[in-house]
Amino acid sequence: MDYSALRLPIVHRRKGVAPMSPNDVLGWGAAALVFSTFYARQMTLLRMLAIASNIGFVAYGYLNHLWPVVGLHVAMLPLNVIRLREILRARARVEKTATRPMAILPVAAVGGTHKRERAGGFEPPAPPDTRLTSVERRQTVRSIAKDRVLEPYRAAS
């Protein structure tokens, strides 16, 4: 195929103007899609962009005989499709659950609010005078962590 009419100029410092083929445009477009996945904040958008970039890179690699690129994106394409389907199915389950009416039962009918309470082994909280303050709790956690970190060194010496 003759792409001479479709070539776009790219300016190089040393060579002057070099033509850009449609294959190069396809490659840069696929690269732009990959770059845009890093800006996606929603997982569905990220997967859709990744699928589009996989298709673009498969086409680019095939047209330029870049078989490692083709192999990589052919392998990644079904993974992205599977993950997108999982996300869409999970979203559908959540929407279905959210629209279903829910029965509101009193706490006594459920049997308590805590697992131990429902099992009959509820322990009341400790009296206020034996509770640790937040500062004491942090100091205790730090000393336990410090002992665990230093224990192998103490045993060696």
N, C-alpha and C. Protein backbone atom coordinates (compact mmCIF):
# COMPACT_ATOMS: atom_id res chain seq x y z
N MET A 1 0.83 -1.18 0.00
CA MET A 1 0.00 0.00 0.00
C MET A 1 0.88 1.24 0.00
N ASP A 2 0.40 2.24 -0.69
CA ASP A 2 1.13 3.50 -0.75
C ASP A 2 0.47 4.48 0.22
N TYR A 3 1.20 4.84 1.26
CA TYR A 3 0.68 5.75 2.27
C TYR A 3 1.20 7.18 2.09
N SER A 4 1.86 7.47 0.98
CA SER A 4 2.52 8.76 0.82
C SER A 4 1.54 9.94 0.92
N ALA A 5 0.31 9.76 0.47
CA ALA A 5 -0.66 10.86 0.55
C ALA A 5 -1.16 11.07 1.98
N LEU A 6 -1.04 10.04 2.81
CA LEU A 6 -1.57 10.11 4.17
C LEU A 6 -0.51 10.45 5.21
N ARG A 7 0.72 10.60 4.83
CA ARG A 7 1.80 10.81 5.79
C ARG A 7 1.71 12.20 6.42
N LEU A 8 1.88 12.22 7.72
CA LEU A 8 1.86 13.47 8.46
C LEU A 8 3.30 13.85 8.82
N PRO A 9 3.64 15.11 8.76
CA PRO A 9 5.03 15.48 9.07
C PRO A 9 5.30 15.50 10.57
N ILE A 10 6.48 15.01 10.94
CA ILE A 10 6.99 15.12 12.30
C ILE A 10 8.36 15.78 12.19
N VAL A 11 8.61 16.78 12.98
CA VAL A 11 9.87 17.51 12.90
C VAL A 11 10.89 16.85 13.81
N HIS A 12 12.03 16.49 13.24
CA HIS A 12 13.16 15.97 14.00
C HIS A 12 14.25 17.03 13.98
N ARG A 13 15.03 17.09 15.04
CA ARG A 13 16.08 18.12 15.13
C ARG A 13 17.16 17.93 14.07
N ARG A 14 17.60 16.71 13.90
CA ARG A 14 18.74 16.48 12.99
C ARG A 14 18.31 16.15 11.57
N LYS A 15 17.22 15.43 11.41
CA LYS A 15 16.84 14.94 10.09
C LYS A 15 15.92 15.90 9.34
N GLY A 16 15.34 16.87 10.01
CA GLY A 16 14.38 17.73 9.36
C GLY A 16 12.98 17.17 9.54
N VAL A 17 12.22 17.08 8.46
CA VAL A 17 10.85 16.60 8.53
C VAL A 17 10.81 15.14 8.07
N ALA A 18 10.23 14.29 8.91
CA ALA A 18 10.08 12.88 8.56
C ALA A 18 8.60 12.55 8.49
N PRO A 19 8.20 11.75 7.54
CA PRO A 19 6.77 11.42 7.43
C PRO A 19 6.34 10.44 8.52
N MET A 20 5.07 10.55 8.89
CA MET A 20 4.49 9.64 9.87
C MET A 20 3.42 8.83 9.17
N SER A 21 3.57 7.53 9.19
CA SER A 21 2.63 6.66 8.48
C SER A 21 1.35 6.46 9.31
N PRO A 22 0.28 5.97 8.71
CA PRO A 22 -0.92 5.64 9.47
C PRO A 22 -0.67 4.60 10.55
N ASN A 23 0.29 3.72 10.30
CA ASN A 23 0.67 2.75 11.34
C ASN A 23 1.21 3.45 12.57
N ASP A 24 2.02 4.49 12.34
CA ASP A 24 2.55 5.25 13.46
C ASP A 24 1.44 5.99 14.20
N VAL A 25 0.47 6.52 13.46
CA VAL A 25 -0.66 7.19 14.07
C VAL A 25 -1.43 6.20 14.94
N LEU A 26 -1.62 4.98 14.44
CA LEU A 26 -2.30 3.93 15.21
C LEU A 26 -1.53 3.61 16.48
N GLY A 27 -0.21 3.49 16.37
CA GLY A 27 0.62 3.20 17.54
C GLY A 27 0.56 4.31 18.58
N TRP A 28 0.64 5.57 18.12
CA TRP A 28 0.56 6.68 19.05
C TRP A 28 -0.83 6.78 19.68
N GLY A 29 -1.86 6.45 18.90
CA GLY A 29 -3.22 6.44 19.46
C GLY A 29 -3.37 5.40 20.55
N ALA A 30 -2.83 4.20 20.30
CA ALA A 30 -2.89 3.14 21.31
C ALA A 30 -2.08 3.54 22.54
N ALA A 31 -0.94 4.18 22.33
CA ALA A 31 -0.13 4.64 23.46
C ALA A 31 -0.88 5.71 24.27
N ALA A 32 -1.61 6.58 23.57
CA ALA A 32 -2.40 7.60 24.26
C ALA A 32 -3.51 6.95 25.10
N LEU A 33 -4.09 5.87 24.59
CA LEU A 33 -5.10 5.16 25.37
C LEU A 33 -4.50 4.55 26.63
N VAL A 34 -3.31 3.97 26.51
CA VAL A 34 -2.64 3.42 27.69
C VAL A 34 -2.36 4.54 28.69
N PHE A 35 -1.87 5.66 28.19
CA PHE A 35 -1.58 6.80 29.07
C PHE A 35 -2.85 7.28 29.77
N SER A 36 -3.96 7.28 29.05
CA SER A 36 -5.21 7.76 29.65
C SER A 36 -5.73 6.82 30.73
N THR A 37 -5.33 5.55 30.71
CA THR A 37 -5.77 4.64 31.78
C THR A 37 -5.22 5.09 33.13
N PHE A 38 -4.10 5.77 33.14
CA PHE A 38 -3.53 6.22 34.40
C PHE A 38 -4.30 7.40 35.00
N TYR A 39 -5.15 8.04 34.20
CA TYR A 39 -5.98 9.12 34.70
C TYR A 39 -7.37 8.66 35.08
N ALA A 40 -7.71 7.43 34.77
CA ALA A 40 -9.05 6.93 35.05
C ALA A 40 -9.22 6.72 36.55
N ARG A 41 -10.30 7.25 37.08
CA ARG A 41 -10.58 7.09 38.51
C ARG A 41 -11.61 6.00 38.76
N GLN A 42 -12.33 5.61 37.73
CA GLN A 42 -13.31 4.54 37.85
C GLN A 42 -12.76 3.29 37.17
N MET A 43 -12.97 2.16 37.82
CA MET A 43 -12.42 0.91 37.31
C MET A 43 -13.04 0.52 35.97
N THR A 44 -14.33 0.80 35.78
CA THR A 44 -14.95 0.44 34.50
C THR A 44 -14.33 1.24 33.37
N LEU A 45 -14.11 2.52 33.56
CA LEU A 45 -13.48 3.35 32.54
C LEU A 45 -12.06 2.86 32.26
N LEU A 46 -11.32 2.53 33.31
CA LEU A 46 -9.96 2.04 33.14
C LEU A 46 -9.95 0.76 32.30
N ARG A 47 -10.84 -0.17 32.59
CA ARG A 47 -10.88 -1.43 31.83
C ARG A 47 -11.29 -1.19 30.38
N MET A 48 -12.23 -0.28 30.16
CA MET A 48 -12.64 0.00 28.78
C MET A 48 -11.49 0.62 27.98
N LEU A 49 -10.77 1.54 28.61
CA LEU A 49 -9.62 2.14 27.94
C LEU A 49 -8.53 1.10 27.69
N ALA A 50 -8.33 0.21 28.65
CA ALA A 50 -7.32 -0.83 28.49
C ALA A 50 -7.69 -1.78 27.35
N ILE A 51 -8.97 -2.12 27.23
CA ILE A 51 -9.42 -2.98 26.14
C ILE A 51 -9.19 -2.29 24.79
N ALA A 52 -9.54 -1.01 24.72
CA ALA A 52 -9.32 -0.26 23.47
C ALA A 52 -7.83 -0.18 23.13
N SER A 53 -6.98 0.04 24.14
CA SER A 53 -5.54 0.11 23.87
C SER A 53 -5.00 -1.26 23.46
N ASN A 54 -5.52 -2.35 24.06
CA ASN A 54 -5.10 -3.68 23.64
C ASN A 54 -5.43 -3.92 22.17
N ILE A 55 -6.64 -3.55 21.76
CA ILE A 55 -7.03 -3.73 20.36
C ILE A 55 -6.15 -2.87 19.46
N GLY A 56 -5.89 -1.63 19.86
CA GLY A 56 -5.02 -0.76 19.08
C GLY A 56 -3.62 -1.30 18.94
N PHE A 57 -3.05 -1.81 20.03
CA PHE A 57 -1.70 -2.34 19.96
C PHE A 57 -1.62 -3.66 19.21
N VAL A 58 -2.67 -4.46 19.26
CA VAL A 58 -2.68 -5.69 18.46
C VAL A 58 -2.65 -5.32 16.98
N ALA A 59 -3.47 -4.35 16.58
CA ALA A 59 -3.48 -3.91 15.18
C ALA A 59 -2.14 -3.30 14.79
N TYR A 60 -1.60 -2.44 15.65
CA TYR A 60 -0.31 -1.81 15.38
C TYR A 60 0.80 -2.84 15.25
N GLY A 61 0.85 -3.77 16.18
CA GLY A 61 1.89 -4.79 16.14
C GLY A 61 1.75 -5.70 14.94
N TYR A 62 0.51 -6.03 14.58
CA TYR A 62 0.28 -6.89 13.42
C TYR A 62 0.73 -6.20 12.13
N LEU A 63 0.35 -4.92 11.97
CA LEU A 63 0.71 -4.19 10.75
C LEU A 63 2.21 -3.95 10.63
N ASN A 64 2.91 -3.85 11.75
CA ASN A 64 4.35 -3.60 11.74
C ASN A 64 5.18 -4.85 12.03
N HIS A 65 4.52 -6.00 12.11
CA HIS A 65 5.19 -7.28 12.37
C HIS A 65 5.98 -7.25 13.68
N LEU A 66 5.37 -6.66 14.71
CA LEU A 66 5.97 -6.61 16.04
C LEU A 66 5.29 -7.68 16.89
N TRP A 67 5.75 -8.90 16.76
CA TRP A 67 5.07 -10.05 17.34
C TRP A 67 5.08 -10.06 18.87
N PRO A 68 6.13 -9.58 19.55
CA PRO A 68 6.03 -9.51 21.02
C PRO A 68 4.92 -8.56 21.48
N VAL A 69 4.73 -7.46 20.78
CA VAL A 69 3.66 -6.52 21.11
C VAL A 69 2.30 -7.18 20.89
N VAL A 70 2.15 -7.89 19.77
CA VAL A 70 0.91 -8.59 19.48
C VAL A 70 0.64 -9.63 20.56
N GLY A 71 1.65 -10.43 20.89
CA GLY A 71 1.48 -11.49 21.90
C GLY A 71 1.09 -10.94 23.25
N LEU A 72 1.75 -9.87 23.67
CA LEU A 72 1.45 -9.28 24.97
C LEU A 72 0.01 -8.79 25.04
N HIS A 73 -0.42 -8.07 24.02
CA HIS A 73 -1.76 -7.48 24.07
C HIS A 73 -2.86 -8.49 23.77
N VAL A 74 -2.54 -9.53 23.01
CA VAL A 74 -3.52 -10.61 22.83
C VAL A 74 -3.71 -11.34 24.15
N ALA A 75 -2.66 -11.47 24.95
CA ALA A 75 -2.78 -12.12 26.26
C ALA A 75 -3.51 -11.23 27.26
N MET A 76 -3.30 -9.92 27.20
CA MET A 76 -3.93 -9.01 28.16
C MET A 76 -5.39 -8.71 27.83
N LEU A 77 -5.76 -8.82 26.57
CA LEU A 77 -7.13 -8.49 26.16
C LEU A 77 -8.19 -9.32 26.87
N PRO A 78 -8.08 -10.66 26.91
CA PRO A 78 -9.11 -11.42 27.62
C PRO A 78 -9.12 -11.15 29.12
N LEU A 79 -7.95 -10.85 29.70
CA LEU A 79 -7.92 -10.52 31.13
C LEU A 79 -8.71 -9.25 31.42
N ASN A 80 -8.52 -8.25 30.58
CA ASN A 80 -9.27 -7.00 30.77
C ASN A 80 -10.76 -7.20 30.54
N VAL A 81 -11.12 -8.03 29.55
CA VAL A 81 -12.53 -8.30 29.29
C VAL A 81 -13.16 -9.03 30.48
N ILE A 82 -12.45 -10.02 31.02
CA ILE A 82 -12.96 -10.78 32.17
C ILE A 82 -13.15 -9.86 33.37
N ARG A 83 -12.16 -9.02 33.66
CA ARG A 83 -12.27 -8.11 34.80
C ARG A 83 -13.40 -7.10 34.61
N LEU A 84 -13.59 -6.62 33.39
CA LEU A 84 -14.69 -5.69 33.13
C LEU A 84 -16.04 -6.38 33.35
N ARG A 85 -16.17 -7.62 32.88
CA ARG A 85 -17.41 -8.37 33.10
C ARG A 85 -17.66 -8.57 34.59
N GLU A 86 -16.61 -8.88 35.37
CA GLU A 86 -16.77 -9.04 36.81
C GLU A 86 -17.27 -7.76 37.46
N ILE A 87 -16.71 -6.64 37.05
CA ILE A 87 -17.11 -5.35 37.62
C ILE A 87 -18.56 -5.05 37.28
N LEU A 88 -18.94 -5.28 36.03
CA LEU A 88 -20.31 -4.99 35.62
C LEU A 88 -21.31 -5.92 36.30
N ARG A 89 -20.94 -7.19 36.47
CA ARG A 89 -21.83 -8.12 37.18
C ARG A 89 -21.97 -7.73 38.65
N ALA A 90 -20.87 -7.35 39.28
CA ALA A 90 -20.94 -6.94 40.68
C ALA A 90 -21.79 -5.69 40.83
N ARG A 91 -21.64 -4.75 39.90
CA ARG A 91 -22.44 -3.53 39.94
C ARG A 91 -23.92 -3.86 39.78
N ALA A 92 -24.23 -4.80 38.89
CA ALA A 92 -25.63 -5.20 38.68
C ALA A 92 -26.20 -5.86 39.94
N ARG A 93 -25.39 -6.68 40.62
CA ARG A 93 -25.85 -7.31 41.87
C ARG A 93 -26.12 -6.27 42.94
N VAL A 94 -25.25 -5.29 43.04
CA VAL A 94 -25.43 -4.23 44.05
C VAL A 94 -26.69 -3.42 43.74
N GLU A 95 -26.88 -3.08 42.48
CA GLU A 95 -28.07 -2.31 42.11
C GLU A 95 -29.34 -3.12 42.35
N LYS A 96 -29.29 -4.42 42.07
CA LYS A 96 -30.45 -5.27 42.30
C LYS A 96 -30.76 -5.37 43.79
N THR A 97 -29.72 -5.51 44.60
CA THR A 97 -29.90 -5.58 46.04
C THR A 97 -30.38 -4.25 46.60
N ALA A 98 -29.87 -3.16 46.08
CA ALA A 98 -30.24 -1.84 46.60
C ALA A 98 -31.68 -1.50 46.28
N THR A 99 -32.22 -2.01 45.21
CA THR A 99 -33.59 -1.69 44.85
C THR A 99 -34.61 -2.63 45.49
N ARG A 100 -34.15 -3.73 46.07
CA ARG A 100 -35.06 -4.69 46.70
C ARG A 100 -35.47 -4.15 48.07
N PRO A 101 -36.76 -4.24 48.42
CA PRO A 101 -37.18 -3.76 49.75
C PRO A 101 -36.60 -4.63 50.85
N MET A 102 -36.22 -3.99 51.93
CA MET A 102 -35.60 -4.72 53.03
C MET A 102 -36.52 -4.69 54.24
N ALA A 103 -36.54 -5.78 54.99
CA ALA A 103 -37.33 -5.85 56.21
C ALA A 103 -36.52 -5.23 57.34
N ILE A 104 -37.13 -4.36 58.09
CA ILE A 104 -36.46 -3.74 59.23
C ILE A 104 -36.99 -4.43 60.48
N LEU A 105 -36.09 -5.10 61.18
CA LEU A 105 -36.45 -5.83 62.38
C LEU A 105 -35.89 -5.12 63.60
N PRO A 106 -36.57 -5.19 64.72
CA PRO A 106 -36.00 -4.62 65.94
C PRO A 106 -34.78 -5.42 66.36
N VAL A 107 -33.89 -4.78 67.11
CA VAL A 107 -32.65 -5.43 67.53
C VAL A 107 -32.93 -6.68 68.35
N ALA A 108 -33.95 -6.67 69.18
CA ALA A 108 -34.27 -7.84 70.01
C ALA A 108 -34.63 -9.03 69.14
N ALA A 109 -35.26 -8.81 68.00
CA ALA A 109 -35.65 -9.92 67.13
C ALA A 109 -34.44 -10.55 66.47
N VAL A 110 -33.41 -9.75 66.23
CA VAL A 110 -32.20 -10.26 65.60
C VAL A 110 -31.36 -11.02 66.61
N GLY A 111 -31.44 -10.63 67.85
CA GLY A 111 -30.70 -11.35 68.89
C GLY A 111 -29.46 -10.62 69.34
N GLY A 112 -29.41 -9.34 69.18
CA GLY A 112 -28.26 -8.58 69.65
C GLY A 112 -27.51 -7.96 68.50
N THR A 113 -26.57 -7.12 68.84
CA THR A 113 -25.84 -6.41 67.82
C THR A 113 -24.42 -6.93 67.66
N HIS A 114 -23.98 -7.79 68.52
CA HIS A 114 -22.61 -8.26 68.47
C HIS A 114 -22.61 -9.78 68.42
N LYS A 115 -21.63 -10.37 67.76
CA LYS A 115 -21.57 -11.83 67.63
C LYS A 115 -21.53 -12.53 68.98
N ARG A 116 -20.70 -12.01 69.89
CA ARG A 116 -20.60 -12.65 71.21
C ARG A 116 -21.91 -12.54 71.97
N GLU A 117 -22.60 -11.44 71.75
CA GLU A 117 -23.87 -11.23 72.43
C GLU A 117 -24.90 -12.25 71.94
N ARG A 118 -24.90 -12.50 70.61
CA ARG A 118 -25.84 -13.47 70.05
C ARG A 118 -25.50 -14.89 70.49
N ALA A 119 -24.22 -15.17 70.71
CA ALA A 119 -23.80 -16.51 71.11
C ALA A 119 -23.98 -16.73 72.61
N GLY A 120 -24.35 -15.72 73.34
CA GLY A 120 -24.57 -15.85 74.77
C GLY A 120 -23.33 -15.59 75.60
N GLY A 121 -22.22 -15.27 74.97
CA GLY A 121 -20.98 -15.03 75.70
C GLY A 121 -20.61 -13.56 75.77
N PHE A 122 -21.57 -12.71 75.95
CA PHE A 122 -21.30 -11.28 75.98
C PHE A 122 -20.56 -10.91 77.24
N GLU A 123 -19.48 -10.13 77.06
CA GLU A 123 -18.71 -9.65 78.19
C GLU A 123 -18.90 -8.14 78.27
N PRO A 124 -19.28 -7.64 79.41
CA PRO A 124 -19.45 -6.19 79.52
C PRO A 124 -18.08 -5.51 79.42
N PRO A 125 -18.07 -4.25 79.00
CA PRO A 125 -16.79 -3.55 78.91
C PRO A 125 -16.16 -3.37 80.29
N ALA A 126 -14.85 -3.23 80.28
CA ALA A 126 -14.12 -3.07 81.54
C ALA A 126 -14.51 -1.75 82.20
N PRO A 127 -14.41 -1.69 83.52
CA PRO A 127 -14.71 -0.42 84.20
C PRO A 127 -13.76 0.68 83.73
N PRO A 128 -14.21 1.92 83.80
CA PRO A 128 -13.41 3.02 83.26
C PRO A 128 -12.03 3.16 83.89
N ASP A 129 -11.85 2.80 85.15
CA ASP A 129 -10.55 3.00 85.79
C ASP A 129 -9.48 2.03 85.27
N THR A 130 -9.86 0.88 84.69
CA THR A 130 -8.86 -0.06 84.18
C THR A 130 -8.61 0.08 82.69
N ARG A 131 -9.33 0.95 82.02
CA ARG A 131 -9.11 1.16 80.59
C ARG A 131 -7.85 1.99 80.37
N LEU A 132 -7.18 1.72 79.26
CA LEU A 132 -5.99 2.49 78.91
C LEU A 132 -6.41 3.74 78.14
N THR A 133 -5.68 4.81 78.38
CA THR A 133 -5.92 6.00 77.58
C THR A 133 -5.29 5.78 76.22
N SER A 134 -5.61 6.65 75.28
CA SER A 134 -5.07 6.48 73.93
C SER A 134 -3.54 6.60 73.93
N VAL A 135 -3.00 7.47 74.78
CA VAL A 135 -1.54 7.62 74.86
C VAL A 135 -0.92 6.34 75.42
N GLU A 136 -1.50 5.79 76.49
CA GLU A 136 -0.98 4.55 77.07
C GLU A 136 -1.08 3.40 76.09
N ARG A 137 -2.18 3.35 75.31
CA ARG A 137 -2.35 2.29 74.33
C ARG A 137 -1.28 2.37 73.26
N ARG A 138 -0.98 3.58 72.77
CA ARG A 138 0.07 3.75 71.75
C ARG A 138 1.42 3.34 72.30
N GLN A 139 1.71 3.73 73.56
CA GLN A 139 2.99 3.37 74.16
C GLN A 139 3.11 1.86 74.32
N THR A 140 2.03 1.20 74.69
CA THR A 140 2.05 -0.26 74.84
C THR A 140 2.29 -0.93 73.50
N VAL A 141 1.59 -0.48 72.48
CA VAL A 141 1.76 -1.06 71.14
C VAL A 141 3.18 -0.84 70.65
N ARG A 142 3.71 0.35 70.87
CA ARG A 142 5.09 0.62 70.44
C ARG A 142 6.09 -0.26 71.17
N SER A 143 5.90 -0.46 72.46
CA SER A 143 6.86 -1.28 73.21
C SER A 143 6.77 -2.74 72.77
N ILE A 144 5.57 -3.24 72.48
CA ILE A 144 5.43 -4.62 72.00
C ILE A 144 6.09 -4.75 70.64
N ALA A 145 5.86 -3.79 69.74
CA ALA A 145 6.47 -3.83 68.41
C ALA A 145 7.98 -3.75 68.51
N LYS A 146 8.47 -2.89 69.38
CA LYS A 146 9.92 -2.74 69.57
C LYS A 146 10.53 -4.04 70.08
N ASP A 147 9.86 -4.69 71.03
CA ASP A 147 10.36 -5.96 71.56
C ASP A 147 10.40 -7.03 70.48
N ARG A 148 9.38 -7.08 69.63
CA ARG A 148 9.35 -8.08 68.56
C ARG A 148 10.43 -7.84 67.53
N VAL A 149 10.73 -6.57 67.25
CA VAL A 149 11.76 -6.27 66.27
C VAL A 149 13.14 -6.58 66.83
N LEU A 150 13.36 -6.25 68.11
CA LEU A 150 14.68 -6.41 68.71
C LEU A 150 14.94 -7.83 69.23
N GLU A 151 13.91 -8.65 69.35
CA GLU A 151 14.04 -9.99 69.93
C GLU A 151 15.09 -10.84 69.22
N PRO A 152 15.12 -10.93 67.87
CA PRO A 152 16.16 -11.76 67.23
C PRO A 152 17.57 -11.26 67.51
N TYR A 153 17.73 -9.94 67.63
CA TYR A 153 19.05 -9.39 67.89
C TYR A 153 19.50 -9.67 69.33
N ARG A 154 18.56 -9.63 70.26
CA ARG A 154 18.88 -9.92 71.65
C ARG A 154 19.27 -11.39 71.82
N ALA A 155 18.59 -12.27 71.09
CA ALA A 155 18.89 -13.70 71.18
C ALA A 155 20.27 -14.01 70.60
N ALA A 156 20.69 -13.24 69.58
CA ALA A 156 21.98 -13.49 68.94
C ALA A 156 23.15 -13.03 69.81
N SER A 157 22.93 -12.04 70.66
CA SER A 157 24.05 -11.49 71.43
C SER A 157 24.21 -12.14 72.77
